[in-house]
Amino acid sequence: MNQPLVTFRNVQKRFGSFVAVRDLTLDIHEGEFLAIMGSSGCGKTTTLRMLAGLDSPSSGEIRIGGKLMNEVPPHARDTPLVWQSLALFPFLTARENVEFGLKMRGVGAAARKRRALDWLERMQIGEFAERNVATLSGGQKQRVALARALVMEPRMLLLDEPLSALDANLVIRMQAVLTRLQKELGITFVYVTHSQSEAFAMADRVVIMSQGDLAQVGTPKDIYRAPANRFVAEFVGRNNILSGNVAAIEGDLLIIDTPTGRFTANAPAGGRGIGQAASFVVSADLVTLGTAPPQTPNRVAATLISEEFVGSMVTLFLESGDGHEFKVQMQERHLDKLELGSDARVWLSWEPKNAHVLDEPLSP
């Protein structure tokens, strides 16, 4: 395997007694789109700032291309950062903003103007090159900020929640722009966000952080379908989590008793013993809803509490007899066929293969 472009080895960052990042070990590969996500205060932006050279690690090593970078200043790293605030110069034109880094590197006026105009054209805003950047729309400013970073022809681009200030429609368009650019250029993108939809739509791999720790690293599909632990399962959203104790083991299946009922789930690697605690997760879109009792061991009678519509998809919130909340996602047209009224009584079911047992510490 090729040497990774970036390596974090046992990196820790402390601010006084507060530990922002704890023993982070992570490889970032050449040419990949890596998203780092987590809730506020999880350490994702501190990790990006250490990679950019804006903060130094308290301990551990950060290497880029095999070179130790702990004390290398930002200007010597070739890791431009696109900020959430964009940090454009409001008194300069779009072209002058893009030229700024080239000017600091001593590139001649004619060459930097040519390169700046080329990148503005590539970002499809060449017609605004001589406009004062303060007069541009949010999306246009976003493209200027990207052009300013990419005109430097970096090996890696860092992005700190660059789409958070844009409206929903523009976010979708900019996701397409970023994905296309990253694939065309082959540049490594390291993208910090709190938005699951952004990370899962664009990234090759996603890093989930929690309270300074690395909770899980994997493809969007791996994280969505096979969360490593309860935190990740809850963080990624529409999941149903049930906890209990192992009642029986049948081949590669666990029979788990919970307050809601007895259910069957795939056994994890390493297994669980009878009587030990076990939790499993079922994605909301893998739960089947019907009005008649299904012929499957994994079934629950529940009452419809509320509905949430997002486009053609609807999320149903339901409650079982023991008060456990369930979530079901389905197409609106399928829900309409069921003709459910408020407080409707329904049956929920799922296949054992879709019940993913969480990798949590075993009970004593």
Protein backbone atom coordinates (compact mmCIF):
# COMPACT_ATOMS: atom_id res chain seq x y z
CA MET A 1 0.00 0.00 0.00
CA ASN A 2 1.23 3.49 -0.83
CA GLN A 3 2.37 5.71 2.00
CA PRO A 4 -0.51 7.94 3.13
CA LEU A 5 -0.29 11.63 2.35
CA VAL A 6 -1.10 12.60 5.96
CA THR A 7 -0.53 10.69 9.16
CA PHE A 8 -1.69 11.59 12.65
CA ARG A 9 0.03 9.46 15.29
CA ASN A 10 -1.19 9.65 18.89
CA VAL A 11 -1.92 13.36 18.45
CA GLN A 12 -3.28 15.23 21.43
CA LYS A 13 -4.22 18.88 21.73
CA ARG A 14 -4.78 20.48 25.11
CA PHE A 15 -5.92 23.99 25.96
CA GLY A 16 -4.98 24.24 29.60
CA SER A 17 -6.75 21.37 31.36
CA PHE A 18 -9.19 20.88 28.49
CA VAL A 19 -8.35 18.09 26.03
CA ALA A 20 -9.73 19.06 22.61
CA VAL A 21 -8.24 16.11 20.70
CA ARG A 22 -7.20 12.90 22.43
CA ASP A 23 -4.67 10.38 21.04
CA LEU A 24 -5.79 10.74 17.42
CA THR A 25 -4.30 8.19 15.04
CA LEU A 26 -5.48 8.57 11.44
CA ASP A 27 -4.18 8.18 7.87
CA ILE A 28 -5.39 10.39 5.01
CA HIS A 29 -4.67 9.03 1.55
CA GLU A 30 -3.54 10.79 -1.59
CA GLY A 31 -6.47 11.92 -3.73
CA GLU A 32 -9.29 11.04 -1.33
CA PHE A 33 -12.18 13.17 -0.15
CA LEU A 34 -12.21 12.82 3.62
CA ALA A 35 -14.96 14.39 5.73
CA ILE A 36 -14.58 14.94 9.47
CA MET A 37 -17.86 15.39 11.28
CA GLY A 38 -19.25 15.58 14.76
CA SER A 39 -21.19 17.84 17.05
CA SER A 40 -19.86 21.20 18.27
CA GLY A 41 -16.81 20.80 20.50
CA CYS A 42 -15.94 17.31 19.28
CA GLY A 43 -12.45 18.32 18.07
CA LYS A 44 -13.00 18.33 14.31
CA THR A 45 -12.01 21.96 13.69
CA THR A 46 -9.03 21.68 16.07
CA THR A 47 -7.88 18.67 14.05
CA LEU A 48 -8.13 20.70 10.84
CA ARG A 49 -6.29 23.65 12.40
CA MET A 50 -3.43 21.38 13.46
CA LEU A 51 -3.22 20.01 9.93
CA ALA A 52 -3.13 23.59 8.59
CA GLY A 53 -0.43 24.58 11.08
CA LEU A 54 -2.61 27.12 12.89
CA ASP A 55 -2.35 25.07 16.11
CA SER A 56 0.52 22.84 17.20
CA PRO A 57 -0.17 19.43 18.76
CA SER A 58 0.55 19.13 22.47
CA SER A 59 1.92 15.65 21.83
CA GLY A 60 2.14 13.11 19.03
CA GLU A 61 3.18 13.56 15.40
CA ILE A 62 1.61 14.99 12.25
CA ARG A 63 3.34 14.12 8.99
CA ILE A 64 2.58 15.25 5.44
CA GLY A 65 4.30 13.29 2.70
CA GLY A 66 6.38 11.61 5.38
CA LYS A 67 7.76 14.91 6.70
CA LEU A 68 7.22 15.84 10.35
CA MET A 69 5.08 19.01 10.38
CA ASN A 70 4.49 19.71 14.08
CA GLU A 71 6.37 23.02 14.07
CA VAL A 72 6.18 23.90 10.36
CA PRO A 73 4.33 27.24 9.94
CA PRO A 74 1.15 27.46 7.81
CA HIS A 75 2.77 29.30 4.88
CA ALA A 76 5.30 26.48 4.44
CA ARG A 77 2.76 23.64 4.34
CA ASP A 78 0.95 24.09 1.01
CA THR A 79 -2.36 23.35 2.77
CA PRO A 80 -4.72 26.25 1.90
CA LEU A 81 -7.82 26.49 4.03
CA VAL A 82 -11.26 27.63 2.88
CA TRP A 83 -12.91 29.13 5.94
CA GLN A 84 -16.55 29.05 6.97
CA SER A 85 -16.47 32.87 6.80
CA LEU A 86 -14.58 32.68 3.44
CA ALA A 87 -12.21 35.48 4.66
CA LEU A 88 -12.25 37.32 1.35
CA PHE A 89 -10.90 40.87 1.09
CA PRO A 90 -14.03 43.02 0.67
CA PHE A 91 -12.13 45.95 -0.84
CA LEU A 92 -10.69 43.86 -3.71
CA THR A 93 -12.25 42.52 -6.89
CA ALA A 94 -12.88 38.82 -7.39
CA ARG A 95 -9.76 38.58 -9.58
CA GLU A 96 -7.60 40.44 -7.09
CA ASN A 97 -8.75 38.12 -4.31
CA VAL A 98 -7.76 35.09 -6.37
CA GLU A 99 -4.42 36.67 -7.28
CA PHE A 100 -3.49 37.50 -3.69
CA GLY A 101 -1.68 34.27 -2.80
CA LEU A 102 0.20 34.27 -6.09
CA LYS A 103 1.31 37.84 -5.45
CA MET A 104 2.65 36.85 -2.03
CA ARG A 105 4.68 34.12 -3.76
CA GLY A 106 6.22 36.61 -6.17
CA VAL A 107 4.38 35.51 -9.32
CA GLY A 108 4.51 38.23 -11.97
CA ALA A 109 1.48 40.42 -12.64
CA ALA A 110 0.69 39.02 -16.09
CA ALA A 111 1.04 35.39 -15.02
CA ARG A 112 -1.05 35.75 -11.89
CA LYS A 113 -3.79 37.62 -13.76
CA ARG A 114 -3.92 34.87 -16.38
CA ARG A 115 -4.09 32.13 -13.75
CA ALA A 116 -6.71 33.97 -11.70
CA LEU A 117 -8.96 34.54 -14.72
CA ASP A 118 -8.55 30.90 -15.73
CA TRP A 119 -9.72 29.70 -12.34
CA LEU A 120 -12.63 32.10 -12.21
CA GLU A 121 -13.71 30.74 -15.59
CA ARG A 122 -13.36 27.18 -14.30
CA MET A 123 -15.58 28.15 -11.38
CA GLN A 124 -18.09 29.57 -13.90
CA ILE A 125 -17.87 33.15 -12.57
CA GLY A 126 -15.40 34.65 -15.05
CA GLU A 127 -17.88 37.38 -15.91
CA PHE A 128 -17.58 38.73 -12.35
CA ALA A 129 -13.78 38.92 -12.33
CA GLU A 130 -13.66 42.74 -12.09
CA ARG A 131 -16.59 43.05 -9.70
CA ASN A 132 -15.92 44.07 -6.12
CA VAL A 133 -16.26 40.84 -4.14
CA ALA A 134 -18.57 42.57 -1.61
CA THR A 135 -21.22 42.89 -4.34
CA LEU A 136 -21.31 39.15 -5.13
CA SER A 137 -23.89 36.63 -3.91
CA GLY A 138 -23.07 34.01 -1.31
CA GLY A 139 -22.57 31.30 -3.90
CA GLN A 140 -20.36 33.52 -6.05
CA LYS A 141 -18.22 34.43 -3.05
CA GLN A 142 -17.91 30.73 -2.27
CA ARG A 143 -16.53 30.08 -5.74
CA VAL A 144 -14.08 32.98 -5.42
CA ALA A 145 -12.79 31.51 -2.16
CA LEU A 146 -12.33 28.10 -3.82
CA ALA A 147 -10.57 29.67 -6.82
CA ARG A 148 -8.25 31.59 -4.48
CA ALA A 149 -7.22 28.33 -2.81
CA LEU A 150 -6.99 26.18 -5.94
CA VAL A 151 -5.03 28.71 -8.02
CA MET A 152 -2.08 27.82 -5.75
CA GLU A 153 -2.23 24.26 -7.15
CA PRO A 154 -2.01 22.62 -3.73
CA ARG A 155 -1.59 18.94 -3.07
CA MET A 156 -4.31 19.13 -0.43
CA LEU A 157 -7.22 21.48 0.26
CA LEU A 158 -8.72 22.00 3.72
CA LEU A 159 -12.32 23.17 4.09
CA ASP A 160 -13.93 24.27 7.35
CA GLU A 161 -17.75 24.11 7.05
CA PRO A 162 -17.63 26.14 3.82
CA LEU A 163 -21.32 25.66 2.94
CA SER A 164 -22.89 26.40 6.33
CA ALA A 165 -23.93 29.96 5.43
CA LEU A 166 -25.61 29.05 2.13
CA ASP A 167 -29.29 28.32 1.54
CA ALA A 168 -30.38 24.73 0.97
CA ASN A 169 -30.62 24.84 -2.83
CA LEU A 170 -27.21 26.46 -3.14
CA VAL A 171 -25.68 23.89 -0.81
CA ILE A 172 -26.74 21.10 -3.19
CA ARG A 173 -25.23 22.93 -6.17
CA MET A 174 -21.97 23.60 -4.34
CA GLN A 175 -21.73 19.96 -3.28
CA ALA A 176 -21.76 19.04 -6.96
CA VAL A 177 -19.09 21.68 -7.72
CA LEU A 178 -16.81 20.44 -4.93
CA THR A 179 -17.20 16.78 -5.85
CA ARG A 180 -16.50 17.48 -9.52
CA LEU A 181 -13.44 19.58 -8.74
CA GLN A 182 -11.97 17.02 -6.38
CA LYS A 183 -12.33 14.21 -8.91
CA GLU A 184 -11.01 16.28 -11.82
CA LEU A 185 -8.00 17.63 -9.96
CA GLY A 186 -7.15 14.55 -7.91
CA ILE A 187 -6.42 16.81 -4.92
CA THR A 188 -6.90 15.48 -1.40
CA PHE A 189 -9.84 17.26 0.24
CA VAL A 190 -10.18 17.32 4.03
CA TYR A 191 -13.63 18.68 4.77
CA VAL A 192 -14.96 19.53 8.24
CA THR A 193 -18.73 19.67 8.66
CA HIS A 194 -21.51 19.09 11.17
CA SER A 195 -23.85 18.10 8.32
CA GLN A 196 -24.36 14.39 7.72
CA SER A 197 -25.95 15.02 4.33
CA GLU A 198 -22.89 16.96 3.11
CA ALA A 199 -20.40 14.41 4.37
CA PHE A 200 -22.29 11.38 3.06
CA ALA A 201 -22.98 13.00 -0.33
CA MET A 202 -19.38 13.94 -1.11
CA ALA A 203 -16.81 12.00 0.90
CA ASP A 204 -15.00 8.77 0.08
CA ARG A 205 -14.50 8.22 3.81
CA VAL A 206 -16.03 9.85 6.86
CA VAL A 207 -14.45 10.38 10.28
CA ILE A 208 -16.86 10.66 13.21
CA MET A 209 -15.44 12.42 16.29
CA SER A 210 -16.87 12.64 19.81
CA GLN A 211 -15.42 14.66 22.69
CA GLY A 212 -11.95 14.64 21.16
CA ASP A 213 -11.97 10.93 20.33
CA LEU A 214 -12.22 9.17 17.00
CA ALA A 215 -15.51 7.26 17.17
CA GLN A 216 -15.48 5.62 13.73
CA VAL A 217 -13.83 5.86 10.31
CA GLY A 218 -15.38 4.32 7.22
CA THR A 219 -17.26 4.81 3.99
CA PRO A 220 -20.59 6.61 4.29
CA LYS A 221 -22.37 3.30 3.69
CA ASP A 222 -20.35 1.50 6.37
CA ILE A 223 -21.08 4.17 8.96
CA TYR A 224 -24.76 4.40 8.07
CA ARG A 225 -25.43 0.66 7.92
CA ALA A 226 -22.90 -0.58 10.49
CA PRO A 227 -22.28 2.07 13.17
CA ALA A 228 -19.47 1.04 15.51
CA ASN A 229 -21.11 2.07 18.75
CA ARG A 230 -24.16 3.71 20.29
CA PHE A 231 -22.81 7.24 19.86
CA VAL A 232 -22.38 6.83 16.09
CA ALA A 233 -25.75 5.08 15.76
CA GLU A 234 -27.46 7.99 17.51
CA PHE A 235 -25.42 10.66 15.74
CA VAL A 236 -26.17 9.58 12.18
CA GLY A 237 -29.85 10.00 12.81
CA ARG A 238 -32.76 7.83 11.81
CA ASN A 239 -31.82 4.67 13.68
CA ASN A 240 -33.74 2.46 16.06
CA ILE A 241 -31.66 1.14 18.97
CA LEU A 242 -32.79 -1.66 21.27
CA SER A 243 -30.87 -3.02 24.26
CA GLY A 244 -31.19 -6.17 26.33
CA ASN A 245 -29.43 -9.43 27.14
CA VAL A 246 -28.53 -12.44 25.02
CA ALA A 247 -31.08 -15.20 25.64
CA ALA A 248 -29.78 -17.73 23.13
CA ILE A 249 -27.28 -18.21 20.31
CA GLU A 250 -28.32 -19.95 17.11
CA GLY A 251 -25.42 -20.25 14.69
CA ASP A 252 -24.49 -16.73 13.65
CA LEU A 253 -27.62 -15.22 15.19
CA LEU A 254 -28.23 -13.78 18.65
CA ILE A 255 -31.61 -14.01 20.34
CA ILE A 256 -31.87 -10.85 22.47
CA ASP A 257 -34.45 -10.18 25.17
CA THR A 258 -35.34 -6.50 25.53
CA PRO A 259 -38.11 -4.67 27.43
CA THR A 260 -39.88 -4.30 24.06
CA GLY A 261 -39.71 -8.00 23.16
CA ARG A 262 -37.45 -10.80 21.97
CA PHE A 263 -35.56 -10.18 18.72
CA THR A 264 -33.06 -11.91 16.44
CA ALA A 265 -29.92 -10.15 15.16
CA ASN A 266 -26.70 -10.98 13.36
CA ALA A 267 -23.94 -11.93 15.79
CA PRO A 268 -20.92 -9.60 15.84
CA ALA A 269 -17.36 -10.75 15.27
CA GLY A 270 -16.08 -12.12 18.57
CA GLY A 271 -19.59 -12.94 19.67
CA ARG A 272 -21.58 -12.49 22.85
CA GLY A 273 -22.28 -15.02 25.56
CA ILE A 274 -25.66 -15.97 26.95
CA GLY A 275 -26.72 -13.50 29.62
CA GLN A 276 -24.41 -10.72 28.41
CA ALA A 277 -25.69 -7.29 27.48
CA ALA A 278 -26.21 -6.53 23.78
CA SER A 279 -27.59 -3.61 21.80
CA PHE A 280 -28.56 -3.60 18.15
CA VAL A 281 -29.55 -0.95 15.64
CA VAL A 282 -32.00 -1.06 12.72
CA SER A 283 -32.06 1.80 10.22
CA ALA A 284 -35.43 3.51 9.88
CA ASP A 285 -35.56 2.76 6.15
CA LEU A 286 -35.12 -0.98 6.79
CA VAL A 287 -38.21 -1.25 9.02
CA THR A 288 -41.39 -2.48 7.31
CA LEU A 289 -44.73 -1.07 8.41
CA GLY A 290 -48.04 -2.85 7.94
CA THR A 291 -51.51 -3.21 9.39
CA ALA A 292 -51.47 -7.01 9.82
CA PRO A 293 -49.17 -9.06 12.08
CA PRO A 294 -46.13 -10.13 9.99
CA GLN A 295 -44.77 -13.66 9.93
CA THR A 296 -41.34 -12.83 11.33
CA PRO A 297 -39.75 -13.05 14.80
CA ASN A 298 -38.75 -9.40 14.68
CA ARG A 299 -42.08 -7.65 15.03
CA VAL A 300 -43.53 -4.95 17.28
CA ALA A 301 -47.01 -3.55 17.66
CA ALA A 302 -46.85 0.25 17.78
CA THR A 303 -48.97 3.40 17.70
CA LEU A 304 -48.42 6.20 15.21
CA ILE A 305 -47.49 9.40 17.05
CA SER A 306 -46.42 11.89 14.36
CA GLU A 307 -45.05 12.32 10.84
CA GLU A 308 -42.26 14.41 9.33
CA PHE A 309 -42.25 15.10 5.59
CA VAL A 310 -39.07 15.86 3.63
CA GLY A 311 -39.84 15.98 -0.07
CA SER A 312 -41.23 12.64 -1.19
CA MET A 313 -39.95 10.87 1.94
CA VAL A 314 -41.76 10.72 5.26
CA THR A 315 -40.44 9.73 8.67
CA LEU A 316 -43.01 8.19 10.99
CA PHE A 317 -42.55 8.36 14.75
CA LEU A 318 -44.22 5.51 16.62
CA GLU A 319 -44.38 4.15 20.16
CA SER A 320 -44.49 0.55 21.31
CA GLY A 321 -46.46 -0.68 24.30
CA ASP A 322 -43.49 -0.26 26.66
CA GLY A 323 -42.99 3.36 25.55
CA HIS A 324 -40.02 2.76 23.21
CA GLU A 325 -39.89 5.18 20.26
CA PHE A 326 -39.47 3.79 16.77
CA LYS A 327 -38.75 5.61 13.52
CA VAL A 328 -39.76 4.39 10.07
CA GLN A 329 -38.81 6.03 6.75
CA MET A 330 -40.80 5.37 3.60
CA GLN A 331 -42.00 6.95 0.38
CA GLU A 332 -45.04 9.17 0.85
CA ARG A 333 -46.94 7.36 -1.91
CA HIS A 334 -46.53 4.06 -0.02
CA LEU A 335 -47.78 5.66 3.18
CA ASP A 336 -50.84 7.04 1.38
CA LYS A 337 -51.85 3.51 0.33
CA LEU A 338 -52.03 2.45 3.98
CA GLU A 339 -54.60 5.18 4.78
CA LEU A 340 -53.49 5.50 8.39
CA GLY A 341 -55.29 7.87 10.72
CA SER A 342 -53.89 9.58 13.78
CA ASP A 343 -53.04 7.16 16.61
CA ALA A 344 -53.26 4.25 14.17
CA ARG A 345 -52.17 0.85 15.47
CA VAL A 346 -49.67 -0.82 13.15
CA TRP A 347 -47.04 -3.55 13.06
CA LEU A 348 -43.31 -2.97 12.56
CA SER A 349 -40.93 -5.68 11.38
CA TRP A 350 -37.40 -6.17 10.06
CA GLU A 351 -35.15 -8.96 8.86
CA PRO A 352 -32.53 -10.35 11.29
CA LYS A 353 -29.79 -9.50 8.75
CA ASN A 354 -30.76 -5.82 9.07
CA ALA A 355 -30.30 -5.79 12.85
CA HIS A 356 -26.70 -4.71 13.43
CA VAL A 357 -25.28 -5.53 16.87
CA LEU A 358 -23.22 -2.64 18.23
CA ASP A 359 -19.59 -3.20 19.16
CA GLU A 360 -19.82 -2.16 22.80
CA PRO A 361 -17.89 -3.41 25.85
CA LEU A 362 -19.08 -6.80 27.03
CA SER A 363 -20.78 -7.04 30.39
CA PRO A 364 -18.71 -8.71 33.16
